[in-house]
């Protein structure tokens, strides 16, 4: 079902004609199908009457504006385990885990040895 058909069902007093379809197709022809779908979905959320092409374009600007407000750090790749945890940070974490009665974090055998050494030094 096309957006025009959906809107016609929502706003039954607005008839769909060949001329209407041609007019919308011509005025919105520069938009990709993904842009058009996003804009139509957005305009439908707030439409009080059958959406006009200008309202669809305004909805597209709103949708595209939302994408621009996303913080860039959310799109950064997830760091590897070695980038997230330095041996010192892992040892500090394991000290806190030991105080809380939790087992050491799962890590490389070297980090576990370092954690045990740190715990022994703390006890002394």
Protein backbone atom coordinates (compact mmCIF):
# COMPACT_ATOMS: atom_id res chain seq x y z
CA UNK A 1 0.00 0.00 0.00
CA UNK A 2 1.42 3.40 -0.97
CA UNK A 3 1.57 6.37 1.38
CA UNK A 4 -1.09 8.13 -0.70
CA UNK A 5 -3.43 5.17 -0.19
CA UNK A 6 -2.70 5.12 3.54
CA UNK A 7 -3.40 8.84 3.82
CA UNK A 8 -6.57 8.44 1.80
CA UNK A 9 -7.75 5.86 4.35
CA UNK A 10 -6.86 8.22 7.21
CA UNK A 11 -8.41 11.26 5.49
CA UNK A 12 -11.30 9.76 3.48
CA UNK A 13 -12.55 13.10 2.20
CA UNK A 14 -9.38 13.44 0.11
CA UNK A 15 -9.72 11.55 -3.17
CA UNK A 16 -6.71 10.10 -4.97
CA UNK A 17 -6.67 11.01 -8.65
CA UNK A 18 -4.14 10.33 -11.41
CA UNK A 19 -3.29 14.04 -11.42
CA UNK A 20 -2.63 14.01 -7.67
CA UNK A 21 -0.34 10.99 -7.98
CA UNK A 22 1.51 12.59 -10.91
CA UNK A 23 1.90 15.88 -9.01
CA UNK A 24 3.35 14.20 -5.93
CA UNK A 25 5.62 12.02 -8.08
CA UNK A 26 6.93 15.08 -9.95
CA UNK A 27 7.48 17.31 -6.92
CA UNK A 28 9.16 14.60 -4.85
CA UNK A 29 11.09 12.86 -7.64
CA UNK A 30 14.48 14.08 -6.38
CA UNK A 31 14.12 12.13 -3.12
CA UNK A 32 15.41 8.58 -2.75
CA UNK A 33 12.90 5.94 -1.79
CA UNK A 34 14.52 5.73 1.66
CA UNK A 35 14.22 9.52 2.16
CA UNK A 36 10.65 9.52 0.90
CA UNK A 37 9.64 6.67 3.19
CA UNK A 38 11.25 8.32 6.24
CA UNK A 39 9.62 11.67 5.44
CA UNK A 40 6.19 10.14 4.86
CA UNK A 41 6.43 8.14 8.08
CA UNK A 42 7.38 11.31 9.98
CA UNK A 43 4.69 13.52 8.43
CA UNK A 44 2.03 10.89 9.15
CA UNK A 45 2.77 11.11 12.88
CA UNK A 46 1.61 14.72 13.07
CA UNK A 47 -0.67 15.15 10.05
CA UNK A 48 -4.00 16.84 10.72
CA UNK A 49 -4.93 16.78 7.05
CA UNK A 50 -3.76 15.07 3.89
CA UNK A 51 0.00 15.90 3.74
CA UNK A 52 1.18 18.25 1.00
CA UNK A 53 4.57 17.86 -0.73
CA UNK A 54 5.97 20.84 1.22
CA UNK A 55 4.97 19.17 4.49
CA UNK A 56 6.67 15.95 3.39
CA UNK A 57 9.87 17.90 2.65
CA UNK A 58 9.67 19.65 6.03
CA UNK A 59 9.30 16.24 7.68
CA UNK A 60 12.39 15.03 5.83
CA UNK A 61 14.36 18.01 7.18
CA UNK A 62 13.22 17.08 10.70
CA UNK A 63 14.24 13.46 10.21
CA UNK A 64 17.61 14.41 8.74
CA UNK A 65 18.11 16.93 11.55
CA UNK A 66 17.63 14.16 14.10
CA UNK A 67 20.40 12.16 12.47
CA UNK A 68 22.76 15.13 12.77
CA UNK A 69 22.21 15.43 16.50
CA UNK A 70 23.51 11.93 17.22
CA UNK A 71 26.82 12.19 19.09
CA UNK A 72 29.74 11.03 16.95
CA UNK A 73 31.15 8.85 19.70
CA UNK A 74 28.15 6.51 19.34
CA UNK A 75 29.40 5.58 15.87
CA UNK A 76 32.97 4.84 16.93
CA UNK A 77 34.09 1.22 16.76
CA UNK A 78 34.05 -0.72 20.02
CA UNK A 79 37.58 -0.89 21.40
CA UNK A 80 39.24 -4.27 21.72
CA UNK A 81 39.73 -5.91 25.10
CA UNK A 82 43.38 -4.81 25.21
CA UNK A 83 42.40 -1.22 24.40
CA UNK A 84 39.77 -1.15 27.15
CA UNK A 85 41.88 -2.68 29.89
CA UNK A 86 45.50 -1.86 30.62
CA UNK A 87 47.22 -4.28 33.01
CA UNK A 88 47.12 -1.58 35.70
CA UNK A 89 43.42 -0.94 35.22
CA UNK A 90 42.69 -4.68 35.29
CA UNK A 91 44.68 -5.03 38.55
CA UNK A 92 42.82 -2.10 40.10
CA UNK A 93 39.52 -3.60 39.04
CA UNK A 94 40.44 -6.97 40.48
CA UNK A 95 41.40 -5.33 43.81
CA UNK A 96 37.95 -3.79 44.03
CA UNK A 97 36.35 -7.09 43.00
CA UNK A 98 38.31 -8.88 45.76
CA UNK A 99 37.10 -6.36 48.37
CA UNK A 100 33.54 -7.02 47.21
CA UNK A 101 34.08 -10.77 47.45
CA UNK A 102 33.86 -11.26 43.69
CA UNK A 103 36.19 -13.48 41.66
CA UNK A 104 38.84 -11.79 39.51
CA UNK A 105 37.70 -10.65 36.09
CA UNK A 106 38.12 -13.03 33.20
CA UNK A 107 41.32 -12.03 31.50
CA UNK A 108 44.59 -13.29 30.20
CA UNK A 109 46.65 -15.48 32.55
CA UNK A 110 49.21 -12.67 32.89
CA UNK A 111 46.61 -10.31 34.29
CA UNK A 112 45.44 -12.93 36.79
CA UNK A 113 49.03 -13.44 38.00
CA UNK A 114 49.49 -9.68 38.34
CA UNK A 115 46.23 -9.49 40.28
CA UNK A 116 47.31 -12.24 42.68
CA UNK A 117 50.66 -10.50 43.23
CA UNK A 118 48.89 -7.24 43.93
CA UNK A 119 46.57 -8.96 46.43
CA UNK A 120 49.52 -10.56 48.23
CA UNK A 121 51.30 -7.19 48.48
CA UNK A 122 48.12 -5.65 49.88
CA UNK A 123 47.88 -8.33 52.58
CA UNK A 124 51.49 -7.72 53.68
